[in-house]
């Protein structure tokens, strides 16, 4: 008999769970939750950190739900760094559901079915192959160097008009992934199965392979929403391995990475730098010998390469033991090295609160901003624009 799923909330309190030693070892090896033994044998304390998702092993299932109650807001954050317009106007909405992955499966099964119901998109794809007859053009260099000049088979390259293109490969990969998610409704699972069957002539992506690139166009317009959602599904970290006798599978999103990507992309869009540019993870050095390297999340550069503003996105404040204000120290170091009077830390509201620190015996001011992730997309972007305007205006008033 299957156990009741252990449901946790991102960053929430720990819960107790009875686990076998094998289950404990399997769960401890994953980074989606923290698990620690208690004084009672077989009883463990399980707590969620900054990752969301689900993991299954044996008859055990652990689900970590996001703090963001509205899943449509969460998907907006997940997709913004991929596509700026992802559901900004709520063109597509997730159905109401408790868990993210089943809700994504429901939405994707409908979008994928709608995209392909008129037939699969086709396109030209360049293929290199060894053939007994000439097709396309002969690759003379490869024929001489690798085939040693033998007359057959011939190394050729040709363009084939086929359904085995990037767009269909993405849909198939997303369908495969969602079919392995527990808790998907029977109706959504049937739609996903039909979609997979309709894509039978499409190559399945190998595990760990890079996602094929696609570009929006008039020809693939009916695929756009399905492809954007497919990329969000495939952005989740997936794992599948054995831990002793247990078969462990799962998916998870790292919320600090989601938040950092969103903030950096949204700020880059909001900042107007004229002849300058915006750089992410730009290396700067604390010391004159360039031994201590630092990489702010976002740096605004002027036309001559001078640093005009610096930002760090922090989903939650880092407080290593003995350094309760590590983020502020880090930003002070950025400002000291670059000569800036202001630095900006961007947090998620609820994890931290807005505050300003005027550093003693220094002209440096560290601004801590808090983004309300529960706001609708347009209001959330407006908060980002206000932060960008503050940073740029203060720089212009120097």
Protein backbone atom coordinates (compact mmCIF):
# COMPACT_ATOMS: atom_id res chain seq x y z
CA UNK A 1 0.00 0.00 0.00
CA UNK A 2 1.41 3.36 -1.05
CA UNK A 3 2.22 5.86 1.65
CA UNK A 4 0.56 9.24 1.82
CA UNK A 5 2.80 11.76 0.00
CA UNK A 6 4.98 13.88 2.26
CA UNK A 7 4.08 17.45 1.33
CA UNK A 8 6.39 20.32 2.27
CA UNK A 9 6.33 24.05 1.57
CA UNK A 10 9.44 25.75 0.19
CA UNK A 11 11.33 27.27 3.12
CA UNK A 12 8.63 26.08 5.52
CA UNK A 13 8.84 24.08 8.76
CA UNK A 14 10.17 20.55 8.88
CA UNK A 15 7.91 17.51 9.04
CA UNK A 16 8.51 14.11 10.56
CA UNK A 17 8.46 10.99 8.42
CA UNK A 18 9.09 7.29 9.05
CA UNK A 19 11.70 6.09 6.58
CA UNK A 20 13.63 2.90 6.10
CA UNK A 21 17.41 3.22 6.13
CA UNK A 22 17.47 2.78 2.34
CA UNK A 23 14.83 5.51 1.89
CA UNK A 24 16.76 7.81 4.22
CA UNK A 25 19.98 7.30 2.27
CA UNK A 26 18.18 7.86 -1.06
CA UNK A 27 16.51 11.07 0.12
CA UNK A 28 19.67 12.39 1.76
CA UNK A 29 21.58 11.98 -1.52
CA UNK A 30 19.18 14.42 -3.22
CA UNK A 31 19.36 18.17 -2.78
CA UNK A 32 15.64 18.88 -2.95
CA UNK A 33 15.17 18.51 0.85
CA UNK A 34 17.22 18.26 4.04
CA UNK A 35 16.71 15.10 6.07
CA UNK A 36 18.08 14.38 9.55
CA UNK A 37 17.56 11.55 12.05
CA UNK A 38 15.67 12.19 15.30
CA UNK A 39 15.98 10.51 18.71
CA UNK A 40 13.28 8.02 17.72
CA UNK A 41 14.66 5.16 15.58
CA UNK A 42 13.25 5.22 12.04
CA UNK A 43 11.78 8.72 12.44
CA UNK A 44 13.41 11.54 10.48
CA UNK A 45 12.99 15.30 10.21
CA UNK A 46 12.49 16.42 6.60
CA UNK A 47 12.56 20.09 5.60
CA UNK A 48 12.42 21.96 2.30
CA UNK A 49 14.91 24.62 1.29
CA UNK A 50 14.81 26.73 -1.87
CA UNK A 51 13.98 23.98 -4.34
CA UNK A 52 10.52 22.95 -5.49
CA UNK A 53 9.42 19.79 -7.22
CA UNK A 54 8.75 16.13 -6.49
CA UNK A 55 10.72 12.96 -5.94
CA UNK A 56 9.51 9.35 -5.94
CA UNK A 57 11.33 6.30 -4.65
CA UNK A 58 9.79 2.94 -3.84
CA UNK A 59 6.30 3.66 -2.52
CA UNK A 60 7.39 7.02 -1.12
CA UNK A 61 6.69 10.40 -2.70
CA UNK A 62 7.96 13.77 -1.45
CA UNK A 63 6.43 16.95 -2.88
CA UNK A 64 7.84 20.43 -2.24
CA UNK A 65 5.34 23.15 -3.09
CA UNK A 66 6.34 26.76 -3.81
CA UNK A 67 5.56 29.62 -1.45
CA UNK A 68 4.00 31.42 -4.41
CA UNK A 69 0.39 30.25 -4.24
CA UNK A 70 -0.57 31.35 -7.76
CA UNK A 71 1.11 28.89 -10.12
CA UNK A 72 0.59 31.24 -13.07
CA UNK A 73 2.85 33.78 -11.33
CA UNK A 74 5.44 31.09 -10.79
CA UNK A 75 5.38 30.06 -14.46
CA UNK A 76 5.80 33.70 -15.43
CA UNK A 77 9.02 33.79 -13.40
CA UNK A 78 10.17 30.44 -14.79
CA UNK A 79 9.68 31.52 -18.37
CA UNK A 80 10.69 35.19 -18.33
CA UNK A 81 14.39 34.60 -18.97
CA UNK A 82 13.45 32.44 -21.98
CA UNK A 83 10.67 34.60 -23.44
CA UNK A 84 9.98 38.12 -22.18
CA UNK A 85 6.30 37.97 -23.18
CA UNK A 86 5.56 34.64 -21.53
CA UNK A 87 1.94 34.97 -20.45
CA UNK A 88 2.40 38.62 -19.54
CA UNK A 89 -1.21 39.17 -20.53
CA UNK A 90 -2.37 35.80 -19.22
CA UNK A 91 -2.92 34.48 -22.76
CA UNK A 92 -2.70 30.97 -21.32
CA UNK A 93 -3.52 30.04 -17.77
CA UNK A 94 -2.72 26.98 -15.73
CA UNK A 95 -5.72 25.21 -14.29
CA UNK A 96 -6.11 25.38 -10.54
CA UNK A 97 -3.99 22.66 -8.97
CA UNK A 98 -2.01 22.14 -5.81
CA UNK A 99 1.20 21.02 -7.49
CA UNK A 100 3.21 22.65 -10.25
CA UNK A 101 4.17 19.66 -12.40
CA UNK A 102 0.65 18.17 -12.76
CA UNK A 103 -0.62 21.67 -13.59
CA UNK A 104 2.10 22.06 -16.24
CA UNK A 105 1.15 18.64 -17.64
CA UNK A 106 -2.50 19.67 -17.90
CA UNK A 107 -1.65 22.92 -19.70
CA UNK A 108 0.99 21.41 -21.98
CA UNK A 109 -1.21 18.47 -22.99
CA UNK A 110 -3.86 20.92 -24.19
CA UNK A 111 -1.42 23.30 -25.89
CA UNK A 112 0.49 20.46 -27.57
CA UNK A 113 -2.71 18.86 -28.81
CA UNK A 114 -3.97 22.18 -30.16
CA UNK A 115 -0.63 22.91 -31.88
CA UNK A 116 -0.48 19.56 -33.69
CA UNK A 117 -4.14 18.88 -34.46
CA UNK A 118 -3.74 20.39 -37.95
CA UNK A 119 -0.78 18.09 -38.60
CA UNK A 120 2.85 18.17 -37.57
CA UNK A 121 5.02 21.09 -38.57
CA UNK A 122 7.60 20.19 -41.21
CA UNK A 123 10.82 21.83 -42.26
CA UNK A 124 14.18 21.31 -43.91
CA UNK A 125 16.92 19.66 -41.92
CA UNK A 126 20.53 19.20 -43.05
CA UNK A 127 21.59 15.56 -42.77
CA UNK A 128 25.04 14.01 -43.08
CA UNK A 129 25.06 10.30 -43.86
CA UNK A 130 26.86 7.41 -45.55
CA UNK A 131 24.90 6.16 -48.56
CA UNK A 132 25.45 3.73 -51.46
CA UNK A 133 24.23 6.36 -53.97
CA UNK A 134 24.71 10.09 -54.38
CA UNK A 135 22.17 12.32 -52.66
CA UNK A 136 22.78 16.02 -52.24
CA UNK A 137 26.50 16.70 -52.35
CA UNK A 138 29.48 14.47 -51.71
CA UNK A 139 31.68 15.46 -48.77
CA UNK A 140 34.94 15.00 -50.63
CA UNK A 141 37.19 15.81 -47.67
CA UNK A 142 35.48 13.29 -45.40
CA UNK A 143 35.36 10.71 -48.17
CA UNK A 144 39.12 10.93 -48.70
CA UNK A 145 40.21 11.25 -45.05
CA UNK A 146 37.79 8.93 -43.27
CA UNK A 147 36.69 6.60 -46.07
CA UNK A 148 40.21 6.39 -47.56
CA UNK A 149 38.88 7.17 -51.03
CA UNK A 150 36.73 4.03 -51.23
CA UNK A 151 33.94 4.42 -53.82
CA UNK A 152 31.14 3.31 -51.46
CA UNK A 153 29.56 4.13 -49.16
CA UNK A 154 29.56 7.81 -50.00
CA UNK A 155 29.77 10.55 -47.37
CA UNK A 156 26.99 12.94 -48.40
CA UNK A 157 25.10 15.94 -47.09
CA UNK A 158 21.56 16.79 -48.14
CA UNK A 159 18.48 18.72 -47.01
CA UNK A 160 15.46 16.65 -46.06
CA UNK A 161 11.90 17.97 -45.69
CA UNK A 162 10.78 16.21 -42.54
CA UNK A 163 8.82 16.34 -39.30
CA UNK A 164 12.06 15.55 -37.41
CA UNK A 165 12.79 19.20 -36.63
CA UNK A 166 13.65 21.16 -33.48
CA UNK A 167 10.07 22.21 -32.72
CA UNK A 168 8.71 18.65 -32.75
CA UNK A 169 11.70 17.32 -30.81
CA UNK A 170 10.99 19.82 -28.03
CA UNK A 171 7.32 18.81 -27.86
CA UNK A 172 8.25 15.13 -27.73
CA UNK A 173 10.86 15.67 -25.00
CA UNK A 174 8.38 17.61 -22.86
CA UNK A 175 5.69 14.96 -23.36
CA UNK A 176 8.10 12.20 -22.30
CA UNK A 177 9.10 14.11 -19.18
CA UNK A 178 5.56 14.92 -18.09
CA UNK A 179 4.38 11.34 -18.62
CA UNK A 180 6.76 10.32 -15.84
CA UNK A 181 5.30 12.84 -13.38
CA UNK A 182 3.06 11.36 -10.66
CA UNK A 183 -0.31 12.94 -10.03
CA UNK A 184 -1.11 13.85 -13.65
CA UNK A 185 -4.84 13.58 -14.34
CA UNK A 186 -6.03 10.65 -16.50
CA UNK A 187 -7.32 13.06 -19.18
CA UNK A 188 -3.99 14.90 -19.40
CA UNK A 189 -2.08 11.60 -19.48
CA UNK A 190 -4.22 10.39 -22.40
CA UNK A 191 -3.57 13.61 -24.33
CA UNK A 192 0.16 13.29 -23.67
CA UNK A 193 0.13 9.67 -24.86
CA UNK A 194 -1.66 10.66 -28.09
CA UNK A 195 0.82 13.48 -28.61
CA UNK A 196 3.74 11.09 -28.15
CA UNK A 197 2.24 8.65 -30.67
CA UNK A 198 1.68 11.43 -33.22
CA UNK A 199 5.39 12.31 -32.87
CA UNK A 200 6.55 8.73 -33.51
CA UNK A 201 8.72 9.78 -36.48
CA UNK A 202 10.57 12.39 -34.42
CA UNK A 203 13.95 11.65 -32.81
CA UNK A 204 13.90 11.34 -29.02
CA UNK A 205 16.46 13.57 -27.31
CA UNK A 206 19.17 11.61 -25.51
CA UNK A 207 19.44 12.15 -21.75
CA UNK A 208 21.70 15.12 -21.09
CA UNK A 209 21.59 16.33 -24.70
CA UNK A 210 21.26 20.05 -25.34
CA UNK A 211 17.82 21.30 -26.26
CA UNK A 212 17.43 21.98 -29.98
CA UNK A 213 17.21 25.67 -30.82
CA UNK A 214 14.15 27.14 -32.48
CA UNK A 215 13.16 30.64 -33.51
CA UNK A 216 9.61 32.05 -33.60
CA UNK A 217 8.32 32.71 -37.09
CA UNK A 218 5.09 33.00 -39.02
CA UNK A 219 5.44 29.37 -40.11
CA UNK A 220 5.55 27.95 -36.57
CA UNK A 221 3.18 30.46 -34.95
CA UNK A 222 0.65 27.79 -33.96
CA UNK A 223 3.39 26.06 -31.97
CA UNK A 224 4.59 29.12 -30.02
CA UNK A 225 2.74 28.71 -26.72
CA UNK A 226 3.33 24.95 -26.62
CA UNK A 227 7.06 25.41 -27.30
CA UNK A 228 7.45 28.08 -24.65
CA UNK A 229 5.81 25.86 -22.08
CA UNK A 230 7.90 22.87 -23.28
CA UNK A 231 11.08 24.85 -22.59
CA UNK A 232 9.88 25.60 -19.06
CA UNK A 233 9.14 21.91 -18.49
CA UNK A 234 12.59 20.93 -19.79
CA UNK A 235 14.30 23.61 -17.68
CA UNK A 236 13.55 21.56 -14.57
CA UNK A 237 16.43 19.50 -13.24
CA UNK A 238 15.49 15.86 -13.68
CA UNK A 239 17.10 12.84 -12.09
CA UNK A 240 16.69 9.12 -12.48
CA UNK A 241 18.93 6.61 -10.75
CA UNK A 242 19.02 3.63 -8.44
CA UNK A 243 19.81 3.81 -4.74
CA UNK A 244 20.28 0.20 -3.70
CA UNK A 245 17.01 -1.53 -4.53
CA UNK A 246 15.12 1.75 -4.89
CA UNK A 247 14.43 3.39 -8.26
CA UNK A 248 14.57 7.16 -7.69
CA UNK A 249 13.01 9.68 -10.07
CA UNK A 250 12.10 13.32 -9.76
CA UNK A 251 12.10 16.87 -11.04
CA UNK A 252 12.94 20.12 -9.33
CA UNK A 253 13.40 23.83 -9.93
CA UNK A 254 15.96 25.79 -7.94
CA UNK A 255 14.12 28.93 -6.86
CA UNK A 256 17.25 31.02 -6.23
CA UNK A 257 18.30 30.39 -9.86
CA UNK A 258 14.80 31.16 -11.16
CA UNK A 259 14.75 34.41 -9.16
CA UNK A 260 18.26 35.44 -10.17
CA UNK A 261 17.59 34.84 -13.87
CA UNK A 262 14.33 36.78 -13.72
CA UNK A 263 15.84 39.78 -11.92
CA UNK A 264 18.87 39.98 -14.22
CA UNK A 265 16.85 39.75 -17.43
CA UNK A 266 14.13 42.15 -16.23
CA UNK A 267 16.67 44.71 -14.99
CA UNK A 268 18.61 44.46 -18.24
CA UNK A 269 15.42 45.23 -20.13
CA UNK A 270 14.58 48.14 -17.84
CA UNK A 271 17.95 49.89 -17.75
CA UNK A 272 18.70 52.33 -20.53
CA UNK A 273 22.46 52.61 -20.77
CA UNK A 274 22.90 54.60 -23.96
CA UNK A 275 26.24 53.73 -25.50
CA UNK A 276 27.08 51.44 -22.57
CA UNK A 277 26.04 47.88 -21.91
CA UNK A 278 24.78 45.49 -19.25
CA UNK A 279 26.91 42.49 -18.25
CA UNK A 280 26.03 39.49 -16.07
CA UNK A 281 28.61 37.78 -13.87
CA UNK A 282 31.32 40.24 -14.96
CA UNK A 283 34.57 39.39 -13.11
CA UNK A 284 36.05 42.15 -10.96
CA UNK A 285 38.94 41.79 -8.52
CA UNK A 286 39.17 42.80 -4.89
CA UNK A 287 42.96 43.04 -4.74
CA UNK A 288 45.62 44.62 -6.91
CA UNK A 289 47.16 41.25 -7.80
CA UNK A 290 43.84 39.95 -9.17
CA UNK A 291 43.77 36.97 -6.83
CA UNK A 292 40.34 37.49 -5.24
CA UNK A 293 37.74 37.40 -8.00
CA UNK A 294 34.16 38.60 -7.51
CA UNK A 295 31.24 38.38 -9.94
CA UNK A 296 28.24 40.66 -9.36
CA UNK A 297 25.03 39.33 -10.86
CA UNK A 298 24.48 42.44 -13.00
CA UNK A 299 26.85 45.30 -13.84
CA UNK A 300 25.97 48.42 -15.83
CA UNK A 301 28.91 49.74 -17.87
CA UNK A 302 29.32 53.15 -19.45
CA UNK A 303 30.49 53.86 -22.97
CA UNK A 304 34.15 53.73 -21.89
CA UNK A 305 33.74 50.51 -19.92
CA UNK A 306 33.47 52.24 -16.53
CA UNK A 307 31.09 50.68 -13.97
CA UNK A 308 27.95 52.80 -13.55
CA UNK A 309 25.84 50.55 -11.29
CA UNK A 310 26.00 47.11 -9.69
CA UNK A 311 23.23 44.69 -8.60
CA UNK A 312 23.08 41.34 -6.85
CA UNK A 313 19.91 39.22 -6.83
CA UNK A 314 19.36 37.21 -3.65
CA UNK A 315 16.27 35.05 -3.32
CA UNK A 316 17.06 34.87 0.38
CA UNK A 317 19.79 36.52 2.41
CA UNK A 318 22.92 34.46 2.87
CA UNK A 319 23.80 34.16 6.55
CA UNK A 320 26.75 31.81 6.97
CA UNK A 321 27.69 31.18 10.59
CA UNK A 322 29.56 34.15 11.98
CA UNK A 323 28.61 36.41 9.02
CA UNK A 324 24.92 37.36 9.46
CA UNK A 325 25.18 40.23 6.94
CA UNK A 326 27.32 38.55 4.31
CA UNK A 327 25.33 40.04 1.40
CA UNK A 328 25.93 43.59 2.66
CA UNK A 329 29.66 42.93 3.10
CA UNK A 330 29.78 41.54 -0.42
CA UNK A 331 28.04 44.59 -1.90
CA UNK A 332 30.34 46.91 0.08
CA UNK A 333 33.29 45.13 -1.54
CA UNK A 334 31.77 45.63 -5.01
CA UNK A 335 31.23 49.35 -4.38
CA UNK A 336 34.70 49.82 -2.87
CA UNK A 337 36.45 48.21 -5.83
CA UNK A 338 34.36 50.01 -8.49
CA UNK A 339 34.26 53.36 -6.68
CA UNK A 340 30.45 53.45 -6.67
CA UNK A 341 28.59 55.30 -3.90
CA UNK A 342 25.56 53.01 -4.18
CA UNK A 343 25.01 49.26 -4.48
CA UNK A 344 21.73 47.39 -4.90
CA UNK A 345 20.66 44.06 -3.41
CA UNK A 346 17.37 42.67 -4.78
CA UNK A 347 15.54 40.15 -2.57
CA UNK A 348 12.21 38.36 -2.72
CA UNK A 349 9.65 39.97 -0.41
CA UNK A 350 8.82 37.75 2.54
CA UNK A 351 12.33 36.37 2.64
CA UNK A 352 13.80 39.82 3.35
CA UNK A 353 12.53 43.38 3.76
CA UNK A 354 13.61 46.69 2.16
CA UNK A 355 16.24 48.58 4.10
CA UNK A 356 19.10 51.00 3.40
CA UNK A 357 22.53 50.83 5.02
CA UNK A 358 24.74 53.94 5.08
CA UNK A 359 28.21 52.57 5.75
CA UNK A 360 30.03 54.30 8.61
CA UNK A 361 33.15 56.33 7.63
CA UNK A 362 32.36 55.73 3.96
CA UNK A 363 30.24 57.30 1.25
CA UNK A 364 28.80 53.91 0.29
CA UNK A 365 25.06 53.27 0.66
CA UNK A 366 23.72 49.73 0.20
CA UNK A 367 20.07 49.60 -0.91
CA UNK A 368 18.15 46.38 -0.18
CA UNK A 369 15.03 46.05 -2.32
CA UNK A 370 12.24 43.48 -1.87
CA UNK A 371 10.23 42.28 -4.89
CA UNK A 372 6.65 41.14 -4.25
CA UNK A 373 6.47 37.98 -6.36
CA UNK A 374 2.73 37.62 -5.73
CA UNK A 375 1.97 40.69 -7.87
CA UNK A 376 0.60 40.32 -11.36
CA UNK A 377 3.32 40.43 -14.04
CA UNK A 378 2.81 44.05 -15.09
CA UNK A 379 3.07 45.28 -11.48
CA UNK A 380 6.10 43.10 -10.82
CA UNK A 381 7.86 44.52 -13.87
CA UNK A 382 6.93 48.01 -12.65
CA UNK A 383 8.79 47.28 -9.39
CA UNK A 384 11.85 46.24 -11.42
CA UNK A 385 11.65 49.43 -13.49
CA UNK A 386 11.49 51.53 -10.30
CA UNK A 387 14.67 49.86 -8.98
CA UNK A 388 16.44 50.42 -12.31
CA UNK A 389 15.32 54.07 -12.42
CA UNK A 390 16.61 54.64 -8.88
CA UNK A 391 20.03 53.20 -9.71
CA UNK A 392 20.41 55.06 -12.99
CA UNK A 393 19.03 58.37 -11.66
CA UNK A 394 21.39 58.37 -8.68
CA UNK A 395 24.29 57.68 -11.04
CA UNK A 396 23.24 60.56 -13.31
CA UNK A 397 22.95 62.94 -10.33
CA UNK A 398 26.54 62.29 -9.19
